[in-house]
Amino acid sequence: MSVNQDSQDNQVSKNKLLVEAIANGTVIDHIAPGQAINILRMFKFLGKHNHITVGFNLRSGNLGSKDIIKISDVTFSPSQTQQLAILAPNATINLIEDYKVVDKYNLRLPHETVGDFKCPNSNCITHQEAGATPRFKISRDGHGQVLMRCHYCERVFEREVVLKFNGLDE
């Protein structure tokens, strides 16, 4: 190897941080900046004993910047995937088995979410009646903004308003 090649290889290794691969689990990629912490909070991953690697505000060709989560020994159920899609509607999920990606898919917003988020409207019946489980219809407006319409009070909220009310600030 030439001295020049060795110097270039050394320079590349200095500019690149390596993150340990996971043997089995899930990688959530292309998360909007700031949402990774909300995912960790919502699914209470910080109180569990899984190995977790989180990257905040990493460079992304498509998004400019992104967050990423690698979590060992976790596979999301369909209902958890729907919750995840509300927090990170443009994220990609990579399922890892024996250090290899065995499935990769983009999240899709659910049409509805039940019991996952409280309604921000203080006059909504879900705050008064014990049996009224919060339920939202999910849609996008013409600009791609995620909107959530409460089944009971019929108020429409931007996703960010519902997340903030539920302690999941962006």
N, C-alpha and C. Protein backbone atom coordinates (compact mmCIF):
# COMPACT_ATOMS: atom_id res chain seq x y z
N MET A 1 0.85 -1.17 0.00
CA MET A 1 0.00 0.00 0.00
C MET A 1 0.89 1.23 0.00
N SER A 2 0.57 2.19 -0.80
CA SER A 2 1.37 3.40 -0.87
C SER A 2 1.11 4.27 0.35
N VAL A 3 2.04 5.16 0.64
CA VAL A 3 1.89 6.08 1.77
C VAL A 3 0.67 6.96 1.56
N ASN A 4 0.46 7.39 0.31
CA ASN A 4 -0.68 8.25 0.00
C ASN A 4 -1.99 7.50 0.26
N GLN A 5 -2.09 6.23 -0.16
CA GLN A 5 -3.30 5.43 0.05
C GLN A 5 -3.54 5.21 1.53
N ASP A 6 -2.48 4.92 2.29
CA ASP A 6 -2.59 4.72 3.73
C ASP A 6 -3.11 6.00 4.39
N SER A 7 -2.62 7.14 3.96
CA SER A 7 -3.06 8.43 4.50
C SER A 7 -4.54 8.67 4.19
N GLN A 8 -4.96 8.32 2.97
CA GLN A 8 -6.37 8.49 2.60
C GLN A 8 -7.26 7.57 3.43
N ASP A 9 -6.86 6.31 3.61
CA ASP A 9 -7.65 5.37 4.41
C ASP A 9 -7.75 5.87 5.85
N ASN A 10 -6.65 6.38 6.38
CA ASN A 10 -6.64 6.90 7.74
C ASN A 10 -7.58 8.09 7.86
N GLN A 11 -7.57 8.97 6.86
CA GLN A 11 -8.44 10.15 6.85
C GLN A 11 -9.91 9.73 6.82
N VAL A 12 -10.25 8.74 6.00
CA VAL A 12 -11.63 8.25 5.92
C VAL A 12 -12.06 7.71 7.28
N SER A 13 -11.21 6.93 7.93
CA SER A 13 -11.59 6.36 9.22
C SER A 13 -11.75 7.45 10.29
N LYS A 14 -11.02 8.55 10.19
CA LYS A 14 -11.17 9.64 11.13
C LYS A 14 -12.49 10.37 10.93
N ASN A 15 -12.97 10.44 9.69
CA ASN A 15 -14.18 11.19 9.38
C ASN A 15 -15.45 10.36 9.50
N LYS A 16 -15.33 9.08 9.76
CA LYS A 16 -16.49 8.21 9.80
C LYS A 16 -16.57 7.52 11.16
N LEU A 17 -17.73 7.65 11.81
CA LEU A 17 -17.94 6.97 13.07
C LEU A 17 -18.64 5.65 12.80
N LEU A 18 -18.17 4.61 13.40
CA LEU A 18 -18.77 3.30 13.20
C LEU A 18 -19.71 3.00 14.36
N VAL A 19 -20.88 2.46 14.03
CA VAL A 19 -21.86 2.08 15.03
C VAL A 19 -22.00 0.57 14.98
N GLU A 20 -21.99 -0.04 16.15
CA GLU A 20 -22.07 -1.49 16.24
C GLU A 20 -23.36 -2.00 15.59
N ALA A 21 -23.23 -3.03 14.80
CA ALA A 21 -24.39 -3.67 14.17
C ALA A 21 -25.16 -4.45 15.23
N ILE A 22 -26.46 -4.62 15.00
CA ILE A 22 -27.24 -5.44 15.93
C ILE A 22 -27.47 -6.81 15.30
N ALA A 23 -27.47 -7.84 16.13
CA ALA A 23 -27.65 -9.20 15.63
C ALA A 23 -29.10 -9.44 15.24
N ASN A 24 -30.03 -9.03 16.08
CA ASN A 24 -31.45 -9.22 15.83
C ASN A 24 -32.18 -8.00 16.38
N GLY A 25 -33.17 -7.54 15.66
CA GLY A 25 -33.94 -6.40 16.13
C GLY A 25 -34.45 -5.56 15.00
N THR A 26 -34.59 -4.26 15.26
CA THR A 26 -35.20 -3.34 14.32
C THR A 26 -34.37 -2.07 14.22
N VAL A 27 -34.23 -1.59 12.99
CA VAL A 27 -33.63 -0.27 12.75
C VAL A 27 -34.74 0.61 12.18
N ILE A 28 -34.97 1.74 12.84
CA ILE A 28 -35.94 2.72 12.35
C ILE A 28 -35.12 3.85 11.78
N ASP A 29 -35.20 4.04 10.47
CA ASP A 29 -34.38 5.01 9.76
C ASP A 29 -35.27 6.09 9.16
N HIS A 30 -34.68 7.20 8.80
CA HIS A 30 -35.37 8.33 8.16
C HIS A 30 -36.45 8.92 9.06
N ILE A 31 -36.16 9.01 10.35
CA ILE A 31 -37.05 9.64 11.31
C ILE A 31 -36.82 11.15 11.23
N ALA A 32 -37.89 11.93 11.24
CA ALA A 32 -37.73 13.39 11.23
C ALA A 32 -36.91 13.81 12.45
N PRO A 33 -36.01 14.79 12.27
CA PRO A 33 -35.17 15.23 13.38
C PRO A 33 -36.00 15.58 14.62
N GLY A 34 -35.58 15.08 15.76
CA GLY A 34 -36.26 15.36 17.02
C GLY A 34 -37.29 14.32 17.42
N GLN A 35 -37.69 13.45 16.51
CA GLN A 35 -38.73 12.48 16.82
C GLN A 35 -38.20 11.20 17.45
N ALA A 36 -36.93 10.91 17.33
CA ALA A 36 -36.39 9.67 17.91
C ALA A 36 -36.62 9.63 19.42
N ILE A 37 -36.42 10.74 20.09
CA ILE A 37 -36.63 10.77 21.54
C ILE A 37 -38.09 10.51 21.88
N ASN A 38 -39.00 10.99 21.04
CA ASN A 38 -40.43 10.75 21.28
C ASN A 38 -40.79 9.28 21.09
N ILE A 39 -40.15 8.63 20.14
CA ILE A 39 -40.36 7.20 19.94
C ILE A 39 -39.87 6.44 21.16
N LEU A 40 -38.70 6.80 21.66
CA LEU A 40 -38.16 6.15 22.86
C LEU A 40 -39.10 6.34 24.05
N ARG A 41 -39.66 7.56 24.17
CA ARG A 41 -40.59 7.84 25.27
C ARG A 41 -41.90 7.07 25.11
N MET A 42 -42.48 7.14 23.92
CA MET A 42 -43.79 6.52 23.70
C MET A 42 -43.76 5.02 23.96
N PHE A 43 -42.71 4.36 23.50
CA PHE A 43 -42.62 2.91 23.67
C PHE A 43 -41.87 2.51 24.93
N LYS A 44 -41.48 3.50 25.74
CA LYS A 44 -40.81 3.28 27.02
C LYS A 44 -39.56 2.39 26.89
N PHE A 45 -38.81 2.61 25.82
CA PHE A 45 -37.60 1.83 25.59
C PHE A 45 -36.50 2.15 26.59
N LEU A 46 -36.49 3.35 27.14
CA LEU A 46 -35.40 3.73 28.04
C LEU A 46 -35.43 2.96 29.35
N GLY A 47 -36.59 2.44 29.73
CA GLY A 47 -36.69 1.68 30.97
C GLY A 47 -36.50 0.19 30.78
N LYS A 48 -36.25 -0.23 29.56
CA LYS A 48 -36.07 -1.65 29.27
C LYS A 48 -34.58 -1.96 29.13
N HIS A 49 -34.27 -3.22 28.99
CA HIS A 49 -32.87 -3.63 28.96
C HIS A 49 -32.36 -3.97 27.56
N ASN A 50 -33.01 -3.43 26.54
CA ASN A 50 -32.55 -3.64 25.18
C ASN A 50 -31.32 -2.77 24.91
N HIS A 51 -30.46 -3.24 24.01
CA HIS A 51 -29.36 -2.41 23.54
C HIS A 51 -29.94 -1.46 22.51
N ILE A 52 -29.70 -0.17 22.70
CA ILE A 52 -30.27 0.86 21.83
C ILE A 52 -29.16 1.78 21.35
N THR A 53 -29.16 2.06 20.06
CA THR A 53 -28.28 3.07 19.50
C THR A 53 -29.18 4.11 18.86
N VAL A 54 -28.96 5.38 19.20
CA VAL A 54 -29.78 6.47 18.67
C VAL A 54 -28.86 7.51 18.06
N GLY A 55 -29.23 7.96 16.87
CA GLY A 55 -28.50 9.05 16.23
C GLY A 55 -29.46 10.20 16.01
N PHE A 56 -29.04 11.39 16.42
CA PHE A 56 -29.87 12.59 16.27
C PHE A 56 -29.27 13.52 15.22
N ASN A 57 -30.11 14.10 14.40
CA ASN A 57 -29.71 15.11 13.42
C ASN A 57 -28.53 14.67 12.55
N LEU A 58 -28.60 13.43 12.07
CA LEU A 58 -27.56 12.91 11.18
C LEU A 58 -27.81 13.42 9.76
N ARG A 59 -26.75 13.50 8.99
CA ARG A 59 -26.90 13.93 7.59
C ARG A 59 -27.71 12.91 6.81
N SER A 60 -28.60 13.43 5.95
CA SER A 60 -29.41 12.58 5.09
C SER A 60 -29.53 13.24 3.73
N GLY A 61 -29.29 12.47 2.70
CA GLY A 61 -29.41 13.01 1.35
C GLY A 61 -30.82 13.45 1.02
N ASN A 62 -31.81 12.67 1.45
CA ASN A 62 -33.21 12.97 1.11
C ASN A 62 -33.81 14.02 2.04
N LEU A 63 -33.52 13.94 3.33
CA LEU A 63 -34.19 14.79 4.31
C LEU A 63 -33.37 15.99 4.76
N GLY A 64 -32.09 16.02 4.42
CA GLY A 64 -31.20 17.05 4.96
C GLY A 64 -30.61 16.55 6.27
N SER A 65 -31.47 16.24 7.23
CA SER A 65 -31.04 15.61 8.47
C SER A 65 -32.13 14.65 8.94
N LYS A 66 -31.72 13.70 9.77
CA LYS A 66 -32.65 12.66 10.23
C LYS A 66 -32.19 12.12 11.56
N ASP A 67 -33.09 11.39 12.21
CA ASP A 67 -32.76 10.61 13.39
C ASP A 67 -32.81 9.14 12.98
N ILE A 68 -32.16 8.29 13.76
CA ILE A 68 -32.18 6.85 13.52
C ILE A 68 -32.14 6.13 14.86
N ILE A 69 -32.83 5.00 14.94
CA ILE A 69 -32.82 4.17 16.15
C ILE A 69 -32.52 2.74 15.75
N LYS A 70 -31.56 2.13 16.45
CA LYS A 70 -31.29 0.69 16.33
C LYS A 70 -31.62 0.09 17.68
N ILE A 71 -32.50 -0.90 17.69
CA ILE A 71 -32.89 -1.50 18.97
C ILE A 71 -32.86 -3.01 18.85
N SER A 72 -32.09 -3.63 19.73
CA SER A 72 -31.92 -5.08 19.67
C SER A 72 -33.12 -5.81 20.24
N ASP A 73 -33.38 -6.96 19.65
CA ASP A 73 -34.38 -7.91 20.15
C ASP A 73 -35.79 -7.33 20.25
N VAL A 74 -36.14 -6.40 19.34
CA VAL A 74 -37.49 -5.83 19.30
C VAL A 74 -38.02 -5.92 17.89
N THR A 75 -39.24 -6.42 17.79
CA THR A 75 -40.00 -6.39 16.53
C THR A 75 -41.33 -5.74 16.87
N PHE A 76 -41.76 -4.78 16.08
CA PHE A 76 -42.99 -4.06 16.34
C PHE A 76 -44.21 -4.85 15.87
N SER A 77 -45.25 -4.83 16.69
CA SER A 77 -46.54 -5.43 16.31
C SER A 77 -47.21 -4.50 15.30
N PRO A 78 -48.24 -4.97 14.60
CA PRO A 78 -48.95 -4.08 13.67
C PRO A 78 -49.50 -2.82 14.34
N SER A 79 -50.03 -2.92 15.56
CA SER A 79 -50.57 -1.73 16.22
C SER A 79 -49.44 -0.78 16.63
N GLN A 80 -48.30 -1.32 17.05
CA GLN A 80 -47.15 -0.47 17.37
C GLN A 80 -46.62 0.21 16.12
N THR A 81 -46.66 -0.48 15.00
CA THR A 81 -46.22 0.10 13.74
C THR A 81 -47.11 1.29 13.36
N GLN A 82 -48.40 1.19 13.64
CA GLN A 82 -49.31 2.31 13.37
C GLN A 82 -49.00 3.50 14.27
N GLN A 83 -48.73 3.24 15.54
CA GLN A 83 -48.34 4.32 16.45
C GLN A 83 -47.05 4.97 15.97
N LEU A 84 -46.11 4.15 15.57
CA LEU A 84 -44.83 4.63 15.09
C LEU A 84 -45.01 5.51 13.84
N ALA A 85 -45.93 5.13 12.97
CA ALA A 85 -46.17 5.88 11.74
C ALA A 85 -46.68 7.29 12.03
N ILE A 86 -47.41 7.46 13.11
CA ILE A 86 -47.90 8.80 13.46
C ILE A 86 -46.74 9.67 13.94
N LEU A 87 -45.81 9.10 14.67
CA LEU A 87 -44.64 9.85 15.12
C LEU A 87 -43.64 10.09 14.00
N ALA A 88 -43.50 9.11 13.12
CA ALA A 88 -42.49 9.20 12.05
C ALA A 88 -43.08 8.69 10.74
N PRO A 89 -43.99 9.46 10.12
CA PRO A 89 -44.72 8.97 8.95
C PRO A 89 -43.85 8.65 7.73
N ASN A 90 -42.64 9.17 7.68
CA ASN A 90 -41.77 8.91 6.52
C ASN A 90 -40.63 7.96 6.83
N ALA A 91 -40.71 7.29 7.97
CA ALA A 91 -39.62 6.40 8.40
C ALA A 91 -39.60 5.10 7.61
N THR A 92 -38.44 4.47 7.64
CA THR A 92 -38.23 3.15 7.04
C THR A 92 -37.89 2.19 8.17
N ILE A 93 -38.46 0.99 8.11
CA ILE A 93 -38.19 -0.04 9.11
C ILE A 93 -37.33 -1.12 8.45
N ASN A 94 -36.25 -1.50 9.12
CA ASN A 94 -35.40 -2.61 8.69
C ASN A 94 -35.43 -3.67 9.78
N LEU A 95 -35.90 -4.86 9.45
CA LEU A 95 -35.88 -5.97 10.40
C LEU A 95 -34.58 -6.72 10.23
N ILE A 96 -33.88 -6.94 11.33
CA ILE A 96 -32.55 -7.55 11.31
C ILE A 96 -32.61 -8.93 11.96
N GLU A 97 -32.06 -9.91 11.27
CA GLU A 97 -31.89 -11.25 11.83
C GLU A 97 -30.49 -11.72 11.47
N ASP A 98 -29.77 -12.19 12.45
CA ASP A 98 -28.41 -12.68 12.27
C ASP A 98 -27.56 -11.66 11.50
N TYR A 99 -27.65 -10.41 11.92
CA TYR A 99 -26.89 -9.28 11.36
C TYR A 99 -27.26 -8.92 9.93
N LYS A 100 -28.33 -9.46 9.39
CA LYS A 100 -28.73 -9.17 8.00
C LYS A 100 -30.12 -8.57 7.97
N VAL A 101 -30.35 -7.66 7.01
CA VAL A 101 -31.69 -7.10 6.80
C VAL A 101 -32.53 -8.17 6.11
N VAL A 102 -33.59 -8.62 6.80
CA VAL A 102 -34.45 -9.65 6.22
C VAL A 102 -35.76 -9.07 5.68
N ASP A 103 -36.09 -7.84 6.09
CA ASP A 103 -37.28 -7.17 5.57
C ASP A 103 -37.07 -5.67 5.74
N LYS A 104 -37.53 -4.93 4.76
CA LYS A 104 -37.42 -3.47 4.79
C LYS A 104 -38.71 -2.91 4.21
N TYR A 105 -39.30 -1.95 4.94
CA TYR A 105 -40.53 -1.35 4.44
C TYR A 105 -40.68 0.07 4.97
N ASN A 106 -41.47 0.85 4.24
CA ASN A 106 -41.80 2.21 4.65
C ASN A 106 -43.05 2.17 5.51
N LEU A 107 -43.09 3.03 6.51
CA LEU A 107 -44.29 3.12 7.34
C LEU A 107 -45.41 3.79 6.55
N ARG A 108 -46.62 3.39 6.85
CA ARG A 108 -47.80 4.03 6.26
C ARG A 108 -48.70 4.50 7.39
N LEU A 109 -49.24 5.69 7.21
CA LEU A 109 -50.14 6.21 8.23
C LEU A 109 -51.38 5.33 8.32
N PRO A 110 -51.83 5.05 9.54
CA PRO A 110 -53.09 4.32 9.68
C PRO A 110 -54.26 5.25 9.34
N HIS A 111 -55.40 4.68 9.04
CA HIS A 111 -56.59 5.48 8.80
C HIS A 111 -57.17 6.00 10.10
N GLU A 112 -56.85 5.27 11.19
CA GLU A 112 -57.42 5.61 12.48
C GLU A 112 -56.48 5.14 13.59
N THR A 113 -56.52 5.82 14.71
CA THR A 113 -55.80 5.39 15.89
C THR A 113 -56.77 5.43 17.08
N VAL A 114 -56.74 4.39 17.90
CA VAL A 114 -57.67 4.27 19.02
C VAL A 114 -56.89 4.08 20.32
N GLY A 115 -57.09 5.00 21.25
CA GLY A 115 -56.50 4.86 22.59
C GLY A 115 -55.04 5.22 22.70
N ASP A 116 -54.42 5.68 21.64
CA ASP A 116 -52.98 5.96 21.67
C ASP A 116 -52.66 7.39 22.12
N PHE A 117 -53.57 8.33 21.83
CA PHE A 117 -53.33 9.74 22.10
C PHE A 117 -54.58 10.37 22.71
N LYS A 118 -54.39 11.29 23.66
CA LYS A 118 -55.50 12.03 24.26
C LYS A 118 -55.86 13.20 23.34
N CYS A 119 -57.14 13.56 23.35
CA CYS A 119 -57.62 14.69 22.55
C CYS A 119 -57.20 16.01 23.20
N PRO A 120 -56.63 16.93 22.43
CA PRO A 120 -56.23 18.22 22.98
C PRO A 120 -57.39 19.13 23.37
N ASN A 121 -58.59 18.84 22.89
CA ASN A 121 -59.76 19.67 23.20
C ASN A 121 -60.20 19.38 24.63
N SER A 122 -60.03 20.34 25.53
CA SER A 122 -60.38 20.12 26.95
C SER A 122 -61.87 19.88 27.15
N ASN A 123 -62.70 20.26 26.19
CA ASN A 123 -64.15 20.04 26.29
C ASN A 123 -64.58 18.71 25.67
N CYS A 124 -63.66 17.94 25.14
CA CYS A 124 -64.00 16.66 24.51
C CYS A 124 -64.51 15.68 25.57
N ILE A 125 -65.48 14.90 25.19
CA ILE A 125 -66.10 13.94 26.12
C ILE A 125 -65.10 12.91 26.64
N THR A 126 -64.02 12.69 25.89
CA THR A 126 -63.02 11.71 26.34
C THR A 126 -62.35 12.12 27.64
N HIS A 127 -62.44 13.41 27.99
CA HIS A 127 -61.87 13.88 29.26
C HIS A 127 -62.86 13.73 30.41
N GLN A 128 -64.15 13.50 30.09
CA GLN A 128 -65.20 13.44 31.12
C GLN A 128 -65.70 12.01 31.36
N GLU A 129 -65.87 11.24 30.29
CA GLU A 129 -66.45 9.90 30.36
C GLU A 129 -65.37 8.84 30.40
N ALA A 130 -65.44 7.97 31.39
CA ALA A 130 -64.42 6.93 31.55
C ALA A 130 -64.42 5.94 30.38
N GLY A 131 -65.58 5.66 29.79
CA GLY A 131 -65.66 4.67 28.72
C GLY A 131 -65.37 5.21 27.33
N ALA A 132 -65.15 6.51 27.23
CA ALA A 132 -64.90 7.12 25.92
C ALA A 132 -63.41 7.09 25.61
N THR A 133 -63.00 6.11 24.84
CA THR A 133 -61.59 5.95 24.47
C THR A 133 -61.27 6.90 23.32
N PRO A 134 -60.23 7.73 23.47
CA PRO A 134 -59.87 8.66 22.38
C PRO A 134 -59.64 7.92 21.07
N ARG A 135 -60.17 8.49 20.01
CA ARG A 135 -60.10 7.87 18.68
C ARG A 135 -59.95 9.00 17.66
N PHE A 136 -58.98 8.84 16.77
CA PHE A 136 -58.73 9.86 15.75
C PHE A 136 -58.72 9.25 14.36
N LYS A 137 -59.32 9.94 13.40
CA LYS A 137 -59.17 9.63 11.98
C LYS A 137 -57.92 10.37 11.51
N ILE A 138 -57.09 9.68 10.73
CA ILE A 138 -55.82 10.25 10.28
C ILE A 138 -55.91 10.54 8.78
N SER A 139 -55.43 11.72 8.38
CA SER A 139 -55.41 12.08 6.96
C SER A 139 -54.24 13.05 6.72
N ARG A 140 -54.06 13.40 5.48
CA ARG A 140 -53.07 14.42 5.10
C ARG A 140 -53.78 15.51 4.33
N ASP A 141 -53.33 16.74 4.52
CA ASP A 141 -53.89 17.82 3.73
C ASP A 141 -53.15 17.91 2.39
N GLY A 142 -53.46 18.89 1.58
CA GLY A 142 -52.86 19.04 0.27
C GLY A 142 -51.36 19.29 0.29
N HIS A 143 -50.82 19.69 1.43
CA HIS A 143 -49.39 19.95 1.56
C HIS A 143 -48.65 18.80 2.22
N GLY A 144 -49.35 17.69 2.49
CA GLY A 144 -48.72 16.53 3.11
C GLY A 144 -48.73 16.57 4.63
N GLN A 145 -49.28 17.63 5.22
CA GLN A 145 -49.36 17.76 6.68
C GLN A 145 -50.31 16.69 7.23
N VAL A 146 -49.88 15.99 8.29
CA VAL A 146 -50.72 14.96 8.91
C VAL A 146 -51.74 15.63 9.82
N LEU A 147 -53.02 15.29 9.61
CA LEU A 147 -54.12 15.83 10.39
C LEU A 147 -54.81 14.70 11.15
N MET A 148 -55.29 15.03 12.35
CA MET A 148 -55.97 14.05 13.19
C MET A 148 -57.31 14.63 13.63
N ARG A 149 -58.41 13.92 13.27
CA ARG A 149 -59.76 14.39 13.61
C ARG A 149 -60.33 13.50 14.70
N CYS A 150 -60.70 14.14 15.83
CA CYS A 150 -61.25 13.41 16.96
C CYS A 150 -62.63 12.86 16.59
N HIS A 151 -62.84 11.60 16.88
CA HIS A 151 -64.10 10.92 16.59
C HIS A 151 -65.26 11.54 17.39
N TYR A 152 -65.00 12.01 18.60
CA TYR A 152 -66.05 12.50 19.48
C TYR A 152 -66.36 13.98 19.29
N CYS A 153 -65.37 14.83 19.42
CA CYS A 153 -65.63 16.28 19.31
C CYS A 153 -65.51 16.77 17.87
N GLU A 154 -64.98 15.94 16.99
CA GLU A 154 -64.83 16.21 15.56
C GLU A 154 -63.89 17.37 15.24
N ARG A 155 -63.11 17.78 16.21
CA ARG A 155 -62.11 18.83 15.95
C ARG A 155 -60.93 18.22 15.22
N VAL A 156 -60.38 18.99 14.30
CA VAL A 156 -59.23 18.55 13.51
C VAL A 156 -57.99 19.25 14.06
N PHE A 157 -56.96 18.46 14.32
CA PHE A 157 -55.71 18.98 14.86
C PHE A 157 -54.56 18.57 13.96
N GLU A 158 -53.57 19.44 13.84
CA GLU A 158 -52.33 19.04 13.20
C GLU A 158 -51.66 18.02 14.12
N ARG A 159 -50.97 17.09 13.53
CA ARG A 159 -50.29 16.02 14.28
C ARG A 159 -49.44 16.59 15.40
N GLU A 160 -48.73 17.67 15.13
CA GLU A 160 -47.83 18.26 16.11
C GLU A 160 -48.58 18.73 17.35
N VAL A 161 -49.82 19.23 17.19
CA VAL A 161 -50.62 19.69 18.32
C VAL A 161 -50.98 18.50 19.21
N VAL A 162 -51.38 17.39 18.60
CA VAL A 162 -51.73 16.20 19.37
C VAL A 162 -50.49 15.65 20.08
N LEU A 163 -49.37 15.60 19.39
CA LEU A 163 -48.14 15.09 20.00
C LEU A 163 -47.72 15.97 21.18
N LYS A 164 -47.77 17.27 21.00
CA LYS A 164 -47.38 18.18 22.08
C LYS A 164 -48.31 18.01 23.28
N PHE A 165 -49.60 17.91 23.05
CA PHE A 165 -50.55 17.73 24.15
C PHE A 165 -50.27 16.44 24.91
N ASN A 166 -49.77 15.44 24.20
CA ASN A 166 -49.49 14.14 24.80
C ASN A 166 -48.05 14.02 25.32
N GLY A 167 -47.36 15.16 25.44
CA GLY A 167 -46.00 15.17 25.98
C GLY A 167 -44.95 14.66 25.02
N LEU A 168 -45.26 14.67 23.73
CA LEU A 168 -44.32 14.20 22.71
C LEU A 168 -43.95 15.36 21.79
N ASP A 169 -43.36 16.39 22.39
CA ASP A 169 -42.99 17.58 21.65
C ASP A 169 -42.02 17.25 20.53
N GLU A 170 -42.12 18.00 19.46
CA GLU A 170 -41.16 17.82 18.38
C GLU A 170 -39.89 18.59 18.68
